[in-house]
Structure formats: structure tokens, C-alpha cells
Amino acid sequence: MILSLVAGILTLACALGILVSPALVIFAVLMYLVTGISATWVLILGVIAGFLMIAGALVLYQPGYGTLGGIIVMVSSVAGLLAGGGFMIGFVLGLIGGALSLTQK
């Protein structure tokens, strides 16, 4: 559960880092060349994915909503991959945290 929260924070930090870091701006331009998604949409997608991952991680703490939270975290993790995936660590942590929440009884 805490893995999903850390993944959301990393994804959000990576997406917002596009605004200030030249290295991440270069990453956004490379994403444009590979996928055709502009840097603005990469930023917006990363912020939305980061917030959804944090929301999904918070849903995991509600009794009976573990499956929903796990699905939200995993889908947002894959969507956030287009925005850097939280320096790729956020992507992996999101998938692991979502999978763990789906298997938890």
C-alpha cells in the first residue's frame, strides 16, 4: 500500500519536473518524437496519473475497496509511463503495489 503512495509521489514529481529541469524537457521532446504526444500533454498526463495513483493508494486503506484501489494504481502507473513513469521507479512500484493489493485478502 505504501508502495503505491510512493509511486504516485514519484510520478507526480517527475511530471512536475518537466517544468523546471532541462533533462526532463529533453525526455518530453523524445516522447513527442516517439509517440507524437506533445510535451504539454505529457505534463498533463503525468500530473493526472500521479494524482490518480495517490488517490488509488488512499482508497487501498478503505476496507473492501482494495481491488478498486489496486486497479486504479496499476492503470495509472501504465498511463504515467508516458510521462517518465516516476523516474521508472514509480512505474515499477505502482505495478508491484497494485498487484499486491489485488492479491491481498
C-alpha atoms as a PDB file:
ATOM      1  CA  MET A   1       0.000   0.000   0.000  1.00  0.00           C
ATOM      2  CA  ILE A   2       2.791   2.390   0.846  1.00  0.00           C
ATOM      3  CA  LEU A   3       4.484   1.372  -2.416  1.00  0.00           C
ATOM      4  CA  SER A   4       1.552   2.775  -4.362  1.00  0.00           C
ATOM      5  CA  LEU A   5       1.696   6.056  -2.484  1.00  0.00           C
ATOM      6  CA  VAL A   6       5.434   6.429  -3.109  1.00  0.00           C
ATOM      7  CA  ALA A   7       4.873   5.567  -6.787  1.00  0.00           C
ATOM      8  CA  GLY A   8       2.262   8.307  -7.093  1.00  0.00           C
ATOM      9  CA  ILE A   9       4.529  10.861  -5.448  1.00  0.00           C
ATOM     10  CA  LEU A  10       7.422   9.923  -7.749  1.00  0.00           C
ATOM     11  CA  THR A  11       5.228  10.100 -10.852  1.00  0.00           C
ATOM     12  CA  LEU A  12       3.908  13.498  -9.815  1.00  0.00           C
ATOM     13  CA  ALA A  13       7.435  14.755  -9.080  1.00  0.00           C
ATOM     14  CA  CYS A  14       8.686  13.522 -12.447  1.00  0.00           C
ATOM     15  CA  ALA A  15       5.808  15.166 -14.302  1.00  0.00           C
ATOM     16  CA  LEU A  16       6.229  18.475 -12.498  1.00  0.00           C
ATOM     17  CA  GLY A  17       9.980  18.244 -13.000  1.00  0.00           C
ATOM     18  CA  ILE A  18       9.384  18.684 -16.725  1.00  0.00           C
ATOM     19  CA  LEU A  19       8.613  22.325 -15.949  1.00  0.00           C
ATOM     20  CA  VAL A  20      11.980  23.050 -14.318  1.00  0.00           C
ATOM     21  CA  SER A  21      14.575  20.505 -15.432  1.00  0.00           C
ATOM     22  CA  PRO A  22      16.186  20.705 -18.855  1.00  0.00           C
ATOM     23  CA  ALA A  23      16.953  16.963 -18.795  1.00  0.00           C
ATOM     24  CA  LEU A  24      13.279  16.120 -18.298  1.00  0.00           C
ATOM     25  CA  VAL A  25      12.281  18.574 -21.037  1.00  0.00           C
ATOM     26  CA  ILE A  26      14.557  16.609 -23.347  1.00  0.00           C
ATOM     27  CA  PHE A  27      12.708  13.465 -22.230  1.00  0.00           C
ATOM     28  CA  ALA A  28       9.373  15.124 -23.068  1.00  0.00           C
ATOM     29  CA  VAL A  29      10.677  16.043 -26.528  1.00  0.00           C
ATOM     30  CA  LEU A  30      11.840  12.449 -27.051  1.00  0.00           C
ATOM     31  CA  MET A  31       8.370  11.235 -26.064  1.00  0.00           C
ATOM     32  CA  TYR A  32       6.971  13.575 -28.705  1.00  0.00           C
ATOM     33  CA  LEU A  33       9.271  12.105 -31.330  1.00  0.00           C
ATOM     34  CA  VAL A  34       8.403   8.518 -30.362  1.00  0.00           C
ATOM     35  CA  THR A  35       4.667   8.769 -29.659  1.00  0.00           C
ATOM     36  CA  GLY A  36       3.586  12.061 -31.199  1.00  0.00           C
ATOM     37  CA  ILE A  37       2.255  13.353 -27.869  1.00  0.00           C
ATOM     38  CA  SER A  38       3.285  16.968 -27.272  1.00  0.00           C
ATOM     39  CA  ALA A  39       5.268  17.967 -24.182  1.00  0.00           C
ATOM     40  CA  THR A  40       2.239  19.775 -22.769  1.00  0.00           C
ATOM     41  CA  TRP A  41       0.133  16.630 -22.928  1.00  0.00           C
ATOM     42  CA  VAL A  42       2.953  14.604 -21.415  1.00  0.00           C
ATOM     43  CA  LEU A  43       2.961  17.019 -18.474  1.00  0.00           C
ATOM     44  CA  ILE A  44      -0.828  16.931 -18.096  1.00  0.00           C
ATOM     45  CA  LEU A  45      -0.949  13.139 -18.369  1.00  0.00           C
ATOM     46  CA  GLY A  46       1.813  12.781 -15.787  1.00  0.00           C
ATOM     47  CA  VAL A  47       0.094  15.067 -13.286  1.00  0.00           C
ATOM     48  CA  ILE A  48      -3.247  13.298 -13.713  1.00  0.00           C
ATOM     49  CA  ALA A  49      -1.612   9.870 -13.430  1.00  0.00           C
ATOM     50  CA  GLY A  50       0.289  10.957 -10.320  1.00  0.00           C
ATOM     51  CA  PHE A  51      -2.834  12.242  -8.606  1.00  0.00           C
ATOM     52  CA  LEU A  52      -4.791   9.118  -9.591  1.00  0.00           C
ATOM     53  CA  MET A  53      -2.051   6.902  -8.173  1.00  0.00           C
ATOM     54  CA  ILE A  54      -2.109   8.820  -4.894  1.00  0.00           C
ATOM     55  CA  ALA A  55      -5.920   8.631  -4.809  1.00  0.00           C
ATOM     56  CA  GLY A  56      -5.797   4.906  -5.569  1.00  0.00           C
ATOM     57  CA  ALA A  57      -3.262   4.402  -2.787  1.00  0.00           C
ATOM     58  CA  LEU A  58      -5.555   6.206  -0.358  1.00  0.00           C
ATOM     59  CA  VAL A  59      -8.511   4.082  -1.498  1.00  0.00           C
ATOM     60  CA  LEU A  60      -6.481   0.992  -0.571  1.00  0.00           C
ATOM     61  CA  TYR A  61      -6.831   1.929   3.096  1.00  0.00           C
ATOM     62  CA  GLN A  62     -10.632   1.748   2.942  1.00  0.00           C
ATOM     63  CA  PRO A  63     -11.985  -1.672   3.915  1.00  0.00           C
ATOM     64  CA  GLY A  64     -13.459  -3.550   0.980  1.00  0.00           C
ATOM     65  CA  TYR A  65     -12.002  -1.316  -1.730  1.00  0.00           C
ATOM     66  CA  GLY A  66      -8.596  -2.959  -2.122  1.00  0.00           C
ATOM     67  CA  THR A  67      -9.352  -4.333  -5.570  1.00  0.00           C
ATOM     68  CA  LEU A  68     -10.595  -0.984  -6.882  1.00  0.00           C
ATOM     69  CA  GLY A  69      -7.567   0.819  -5.480  1.00  0.00           C
ATOM     70  CA  GLY A  70      -5.211  -1.749  -6.984  1.00  0.00           C
ATOM     71  CA  ILE A  71      -6.774  -1.382 -10.417  1.00  0.00           C
ATOM     72  CA  ILE A  72      -6.615   2.421 -10.222  1.00  0.00           C
ATOM     73  CA  VAL A  73      -2.950   2.312  -9.227  1.00  0.00           C
ATOM     74  CA  MET A  74      -1.957  -0.173 -11.925  1.00  0.00           C
ATOM     75  CA  VAL A  75      -3.789   1.620 -14.755  1.00  0.00           C
ATOM     76  CA  SER A  76      -2.431   4.996 -13.636  1.00  0.00           C
ATOM     77  CA  SER A  77       1.039   3.525 -13.399  1.00  0.00           C
ATOM     78  CA  VAL A  78       0.915   2.404 -17.022  1.00  0.00           C
ATOM     79  CA  ALA A  79      -0.518   5.780 -18.106  1.00  0.00           C
ATOM     80  CA  GLY A  80       2.168   7.600 -16.132  1.00  0.00           C
ATOM     81  CA  LEU A  81       4.811   5.668 -18.037  1.00  0.00           C
ATOM     82  CA  LEU A  82       4.331   8.118 -20.915  1.00  0.00           C
ATOM     83  CA  ALA A  83       5.323  10.939 -18.568  1.00  0.00           C
ATOM     84  CA  GLY A  84       8.504   9.304 -17.335  1.00  0.00           C
ATOM     85  CA  GLY A  85       6.917   6.773 -15.033  1.00  0.00           C
ATOM     86  CA  GLY A  86       8.158   8.482 -11.894  1.00  0.00           C
ATOM     87  CA  PHE A  87      11.762   8.098 -12.982  1.00  0.00           C
ATOM     88  CA  MET A  88      10.817   4.482 -13.900  1.00  0.00           C
ATOM     89  CA  ILE A  89      10.948   3.559 -10.200  1.00  0.00           C
ATOM     90  CA  GLY A  90       7.442   4.926  -9.756  1.00  0.00           C
ATOM     91  CA  PHE A  91       6.187   2.752 -12.582  1.00  0.00           C
ATOM     92  CA  VAL A  92       7.651  -0.411 -11.061  1.00  0.00           C
ATOM     93  CA  LEU A  93       6.478   0.452  -7.541  1.00  0.00           C
ATOM     94  CA  GLY A  94       2.993   1.212  -8.860  1.00  0.00           C
ATOM     95  CA  LEU A  95       2.738  -2.134 -10.591  1.00  0.00           C
ATOM     96  CA  ILE A  96       4.057  -4.002  -7.556  1.00  0.00           C
ATOM     97  CA  GLY A  97       1.805  -2.103  -5.138  1.00  0.00           C
ATOM     98  CA  GLY A  98      -1.255  -2.590  -7.339  1.00  0.00           C
ATOM     99  CA  ALA A  99      -0.536  -6.293  -7.799  1.00  0.00           C
ATOM    100  CA  LEU A 100      -0.046  -6.764  -4.065  1.00  0.00           C
ATOM    101  CA  SER A 101      -3.344  -5.069  -3.322  1.00  0.00           C
ATOM    102  CA  LEU A 102      -5.131  -7.288  -5.847  1.00  0.00           C
ATOM    103  CA  THR A 103      -3.757 -10.448  -4.250  1.00  0.00           C
ATOM    104  CA  GLN A 104      -4.342  -9.345  -0.657  1.00  0.00           C
ATOM    105  CA  LYS A 105      -7.295 -10.990   1.081  1.00  0.00           C
END
